């Protein structure tokens, strides 16, 4: 906060608008000066392309070659999903009807 709080208080809307316009003009003037200092060399005629990254299939093939014990790890089913869980109704014994 500035040490001059009276700058913005007790002002009419017109005075506040003029204060804001003064700041906008200063910003524009500084912006034009900054742009004038930038080098004006034209960009390269053809922009350089980044080296192509391997596709997903190529990356998987490279990893499979580098780590053969992990081959096809993306298709493996987690151990918890392989264990067949039996429901409580299957583990209880079935009893016949209670008729005498």
Protein backbone atom coordinates (compact mmCIF):
# COMPACT_ATOMS: atom_id res chain seq x y z
CA UNK A 1 0.00 0.00 0.00
CA UNK A 2 1.29 3.45 -0.76
CA UNK A 3 2.05 5.99 1.90
CA UNK A 4 -0.33 8.40 0.15
CA UNK A 5 -3.86 7.05 0.72
CA UNK A 6 -5.38 10.48 -0.01
CA UNK A 7 -4.50 10.09 -3.71
CA UNK A 8 -7.56 7.91 -4.38
CA UNK A 9 -9.91 9.02 -1.61
CA UNK A 10 -12.17 12.05 -1.76
CA UNK A 11 -12.03 12.17 -5.56
CA UNK A 12 -14.88 12.57 -7.96
CA UNK A 13 -15.52 9.84 -10.56
CA UNK A 14 -14.14 12.15 -13.24
CA UNK A 15 -10.91 12.67 -11.29
CA UNK A 16 -10.55 8.91 -10.74
CA UNK A 17 -11.07 8.32 -14.47
CA UNK A 18 -8.36 10.86 -15.31
CA UNK A 19 -5.96 9.21 -12.84
CA UNK A 20 -6.61 5.85 -14.49
CA UNK A 21 -6.17 7.30 -17.99
CA UNK A 22 -2.87 8.84 -16.94
CA UNK A 23 -1.65 5.39 -15.86
CA UNK A 24 -2.86 3.86 -19.13
CA UNK A 25 -0.98 6.43 -21.17
CA UNK A 26 2.20 5.79 -19.18
CA UNK A 27 1.82 2.04 -19.68
CA UNK A 28 1.34 2.50 -23.43
CA UNK A 29 4.36 4.78 -23.69
CA UNK A 30 6.55 2.31 -21.78
CA UNK A 31 5.24 -0.59 -23.89
CA UNK A 32 6.10 1.23 -27.13
CA UNK A 33 9.60 1.98 -25.81
CA UNK A 34 10.12 -1.69 -24.85
CA UNK A 35 8.98 -2.86 -28.30
CA UNK A 36 11.34 -0.36 -29.98
CA UNK A 37 14.28 -1.88 -28.10
CA UNK A 38 13.53 -5.44 -29.28
CA UNK A 39 15.60 -6.74 -32.19
CA UNK A 40 13.74 -6.63 -35.49
CA UNK A 41 15.44 -9.58 -37.20
CA UNK A 42 13.02 -11.64 -39.27
CA UNK A 43 12.34 -15.19 -38.08
CA UNK A 44 13.88 -18.17 -39.87
CA UNK A 45 12.24 -18.96 -43.19
CA UNK A 46 11.52 -22.56 -42.15
CA UNK A 47 11.13 -23.27 -38.44
CA UNK A 48 13.13 -26.21 -37.20
CA UNK A 49 11.09 -29.28 -36.35
CA UNK A 50 11.59 -31.08 -33.11
CA UNK A 51 12.87 -34.64 -33.46
CA UNK A 52 9.99 -37.06 -33.84
CA UNK A 53 9.14 -39.05 -30.75
CA UNK A 54 8.55 -42.77 -31.04
CA UNK A 55 4.99 -43.97 -31.35
CA UNK A 56 3.41 -45.88 -28.50
CA UNK A 57 3.92 -49.20 -30.26
CA UNK A 58 7.58 -48.39 -30.94
CA UNK A 59 8.12 -47.36 -27.33
CA UNK A 60 6.55 -50.61 -26.08
CA UNK A 61 8.75 -52.60 -28.47
CA UNK A 62 11.86 -50.80 -27.22
CA UNK A 63 10.92 -51.46 -23.59
CA UNK A 64 10.18 -55.12 -24.35
CA UNK A 65 13.62 -55.46 -25.95
CA UNK A 66 15.31 -53.71 -23.03
CA UNK A 67 13.41 -55.53 -20.25
CA UNK A 68 12.33 -58.96 -21.52
CA UNK A 69 10.98 -60.07 -18.13
CA UNK A 70 8.39 -57.30 -18.32
CA UNK A 71 7.17 -58.27 -21.79
CA UNK A 72 3.41 -57.74 -22.20
CA UNK A 73 3.13 -56.20 -18.72
CA UNK A 74 0.53 -53.74 -20.03
CA UNK A 75 -1.83 -56.63 -20.77
CA UNK A 76 -1.35 -58.55 -17.54
CA UNK A 77 -4.23 -58.86 -15.11
CA UNK A 78 -3.43 -57.89 -11.52
CA UNK A 79 -3.19 -60.77 -9.06
CA UNK A 80 -6.20 -59.63 -7.06
CA UNK A 81 -8.38 -59.80 -10.18
CA UNK A 82 -7.15 -63.33 -10.99
CA UNK A 83 -8.21 -64.76 -7.64
CA UNK A 84 -11.80 -65.92 -7.94
CA UNK A 85 -13.76 -64.83 -4.98
CA UNK A 86 -16.63 -66.98 -3.87
CA UNK A 87 -19.71 -65.35 -2.50
CA UNK A 88 -21.19 -66.27 0.86
CA UNK A 89 -24.17 -67.97 -0.77
CA UNK A 90 -21.90 -70.41 -2.64
CA UNK A 91 -19.94 -71.43 0.45
CA UNK A 92 -22.95 -72.33 2.58
CA UNK A 93 -24.41 -75.79 2.21
CA UNK A 94 -27.78 -76.14 0.68
CA UNK A 95 -30.43 -77.64 2.83
CA UNK A 96 -33.55 -79.20 1.63
CA UNK A 97 -36.99 -77.96 2.44
CA UNK A 98 -38.03 -77.99 6.06
CA UNK A 99 -41.18 -79.99 5.34
CA UNK A 100 -41.59 -83.03 7.65
